[in-house]
Amino acid sequence: MINFISALYSAVVIMLLVYVVILLLVGVNPIKFYRKAFPTMVLGFSNRSSVATLHIQLHI
């Protein structure tokens, strides 16, 4: 079980790093992006429902 959880958290870290590379290539400041996207990402990660995050995404 610990291997599975470690793999999940490793995948999330890799995803965040890939986002940084893509944002830098496009010319968007990653810090500003993550500051604005953080509430939606946390709710989506903890809730596992994209419908629940729609309200927060529309608010931003």
N, C-alpha and C. Protein backbone atom coordinates (compact mmCIF):
# COMPACT_ATOMS: atom_id res chain seq x y z
N MET A 1 0.82 -1.19 0.00
CA MET A 1 0.00 0.00 0.00
C MET A 1 0.87 1.26 0.00
N ILE A 2 1.97 1.22 0.74
CA ILE A 2 2.84 2.39 0.78
C ILE A 2 3.46 2.66 -0.58
N ASN A 3 3.71 1.60 -1.35
CA ASN A 3 4.25 1.79 -2.70
C ASN A 3 3.25 2.49 -3.60
N PHE A 4 1.98 2.14 -3.46
CA PHE A 4 0.93 2.76 -4.27
C PHE A 4 0.79 4.24 -3.94
N ILE A 5 0.77 4.56 -2.66
CA ILE A 5 0.65 5.96 -2.24
C ILE A 5 1.87 6.75 -2.67
N SER A 6 3.04 6.17 -2.55
CA SER A 6 4.27 6.84 -3.01
C SER A 6 4.23 7.10 -4.51
N ALA A 7 3.72 6.14 -5.26
CA ALA A 7 3.61 6.31 -6.71
C ALA A 7 2.64 7.43 -7.05
N LEU A 8 1.54 7.52 -6.32
CA LEU A 8 0.57 8.59 -6.58
C LEU A 8 1.18 9.96 -6.31
N TYR A 9 1.83 10.12 -5.18
CA TYR A 9 2.43 11.41 -4.85
C TYR A 9 3.58 11.75 -5.80
N SER A 10 4.33 10.75 -6.22
CA SER A 10 5.39 10.99 -7.20
C SER A 10 4.80 11.46 -8.52
N ALA A 11 3.69 10.87 -8.92
CA ALA A 11 3.04 11.27 -10.17
C ALA A 11 2.53 12.71 -10.08
N VAL A 12 2.02 13.11 -8.93
CA VAL A 12 1.55 14.49 -8.76
C VAL A 12 2.72 15.46 -8.86
N VAL A 13 3.85 15.14 -8.25
CA VAL A 13 5.03 16.00 -8.32
C VAL A 13 5.52 16.11 -9.76
N ILE A 14 5.55 14.99 -10.47
CA ILE A 14 5.97 15.02 -11.88
C ILE A 14 5.01 15.87 -12.70
N MET A 15 3.71 15.74 -12.44
CA MET A 15 2.72 16.54 -13.16
C MET A 15 2.95 18.03 -12.92
N LEU A 16 3.22 18.41 -11.68
CA LEU A 16 3.46 19.82 -11.38
C LEU A 16 4.72 20.33 -12.08
N LEU A 17 5.75 19.51 -12.16
CA LEU A 17 6.98 19.90 -12.85
C LEU A 17 6.75 20.04 -14.35
N VAL A 18 5.96 19.15 -14.92
CA VAL A 18 5.64 19.26 -16.35
C VAL A 18 4.85 20.54 -16.62
N TYR A 19 3.92 20.88 -15.72
CA TYR A 19 3.19 22.14 -15.85
C TYR A 19 4.15 23.33 -15.85
N VAL A 20 5.14 23.32 -14.98
CA VAL A 20 6.10 24.43 -14.91
C VAL A 20 6.82 24.58 -16.24
N VAL A 21 7.27 23.48 -16.81
CA VAL A 21 7.98 23.53 -18.09
C VAL A 21 7.07 24.08 -19.18
N ILE A 22 5.84 23.60 -19.23
CA ILE A 22 4.90 24.07 -20.26
C ILE A 22 4.59 25.55 -20.06
N LEU A 23 4.37 25.96 -18.82
CA LEU A 23 4.07 27.37 -18.55
C LEU A 23 5.23 28.27 -18.94
N LEU A 24 6.45 27.84 -18.66
CA LEU A 24 7.61 28.63 -19.04
C LEU A 24 7.76 28.71 -20.55
N LEU A 25 7.46 27.63 -21.25
CA LEU A 25 7.53 27.65 -22.71
C LEU A 25 6.49 28.58 -23.32
N VAL A 26 5.33 28.67 -22.69
CA VAL A 26 4.25 29.52 -23.20
C VAL A 26 4.46 30.97 -22.77
N GLY A 27 5.21 31.20 -21.70
CA GLY A 27 5.48 32.55 -21.24
C GLY A 27 4.60 33.00 -20.08
N VAL A 28 4.03 32.04 -19.36
CA VAL A 28 3.19 32.35 -18.20
C VAL A 28 4.02 32.15 -16.94
N ASN A 29 3.86 33.05 -15.99
CA ASN A 29 4.57 32.95 -14.72
C ASN A 29 3.98 31.79 -13.91
N PRO A 30 4.77 30.74 -13.63
CA PRO A 30 4.24 29.58 -12.90
C PRO A 30 3.75 29.91 -11.49
N ILE A 31 4.39 30.86 -10.82
CA ILE A 31 3.98 31.21 -9.46
C ILE A 31 2.58 31.82 -9.47
N LYS A 32 2.32 32.73 -10.40
CA LYS A 32 0.99 33.33 -10.50
C LYS A 32 -0.05 32.28 -10.89
N PHE A 33 0.33 31.39 -11.80
CA PHE A 33 -0.59 30.34 -12.23
C PHE A 33 -0.98 29.45 -11.06
N TYR A 34 0.01 28.97 -10.31
CA TYR A 34 -0.29 28.08 -9.19
C TYR A 34 -1.03 28.80 -8.08
N ARG A 35 -0.75 30.08 -7.88
CA ARG A 35 -1.46 30.83 -6.84
C ARG A 35 -2.95 30.91 -7.17
N LYS A 36 -3.27 31.12 -8.45
CA LYS A 36 -4.68 31.20 -8.85
C LYS A 36 -5.33 29.82 -8.95
N ALA A 37 -4.59 28.81 -9.35
CA ALA A 37 -5.15 27.47 -9.57
C ALA A 37 -5.15 26.61 -8.31
N PHE A 38 -4.47 27.05 -7.25
CA PHE A 38 -4.33 26.23 -6.05
C PHE A 38 -5.65 25.78 -5.43
N PRO A 39 -6.63 26.69 -5.23
CA PRO A 39 -7.88 26.22 -4.62
C PRO A 39 -8.58 25.14 -5.44
N THR A 40 -8.58 25.28 -6.75
CA THR A 40 -9.21 24.28 -7.60
C THR A 40 -8.46 22.96 -7.55
N MET A 41 -7.14 23.03 -7.56
CA MET A 41 -6.33 21.81 -7.52
C MET A 41 -6.51 21.06 -6.20
N VAL A 42 -6.55 21.79 -5.10
CA VAL A 42 -6.72 21.15 -3.79
C VAL A 42 -8.09 20.49 -3.68
N LEU A 43 -9.12 21.20 -4.12
CA LEU A 43 -10.46 20.62 -4.05
C LEU A 43 -10.58 19.40 -4.97
N GLY A 44 -10.04 19.49 -6.16
CA GLY A 44 -10.09 18.36 -7.08
C GLY A 44 -9.30 17.17 -6.57
N PHE A 45 -8.15 17.42 -5.95
CA PHE A 45 -7.32 16.34 -5.43
C PHE A 45 -7.97 15.66 -4.23
N SER A 46 -8.60 16.44 -3.37
CA SER A 46 -9.20 15.87 -2.17
C SER A 46 -10.60 15.32 -2.40
N ASN A 47 -11.30 15.85 -3.38
CA ASN A 47 -12.68 15.47 -3.60
C ASN A 47 -12.85 14.44 -4.72
N ARG A 48 -11.95 14.41 -5.67
CA ARG A 48 -11.97 13.50 -6.82
C ARG A 48 -13.22 13.68 -7.67
N SER A 49 -13.80 14.88 -7.70
CA SER A 49 -14.98 15.14 -8.51
C SER A 49 -14.78 16.43 -9.29
N SER A 50 -14.83 16.35 -10.60
CA SER A 50 -14.66 17.55 -11.41
C SER A 50 -15.88 18.45 -11.33
N VAL A 51 -17.05 17.89 -11.06
CA VAL A 51 -18.26 18.69 -10.95
C VAL A 51 -18.18 19.62 -9.74
N ALA A 52 -17.60 19.16 -8.66
CA ALA A 52 -17.49 19.98 -7.46
C ALA A 52 -16.53 21.15 -7.66
N THR A 53 -15.57 21.02 -8.55
CA THR A 53 -14.60 22.09 -8.76
C THR A 53 -15.08 23.12 -9.76
N LEU A 54 -16.18 22.87 -10.46
CA LEU A 54 -16.66 23.82 -11.46
C LEU A 54 -16.94 25.19 -10.87
N HIS A 55 -17.56 25.24 -9.70
CA HIS A 55 -17.88 26.52 -9.09
C HIS A 55 -16.62 27.34 -8.82
N ILE A 56 -15.60 26.70 -8.30
CA ILE A 56 -14.35 27.42 -8.01
C ILE A 56 -13.68 27.85 -9.31
N GLN A 57 -13.68 26.99 -10.33
CA GLN A 57 -13.06 27.34 -11.60
C GLN A 57 -13.76 28.53 -12.24
N LEU A 58 -15.07 28.58 -12.18
CA LEU A 58 -15.82 29.69 -12.76
C LEU A 58 -15.61 30.97 -11.95
N HIS A 59 -15.39 30.84 -10.66
CA HIS A 59 -15.17 32.01 -9.80
C HIS A 59 -13.84 32.68 -10.09
N ILE A 60 -12.82 31.89 -10.43
CA ILE A 60 -11.49 32.42 -10.72
C ILE A 60 -11.54 33.06 -12.07
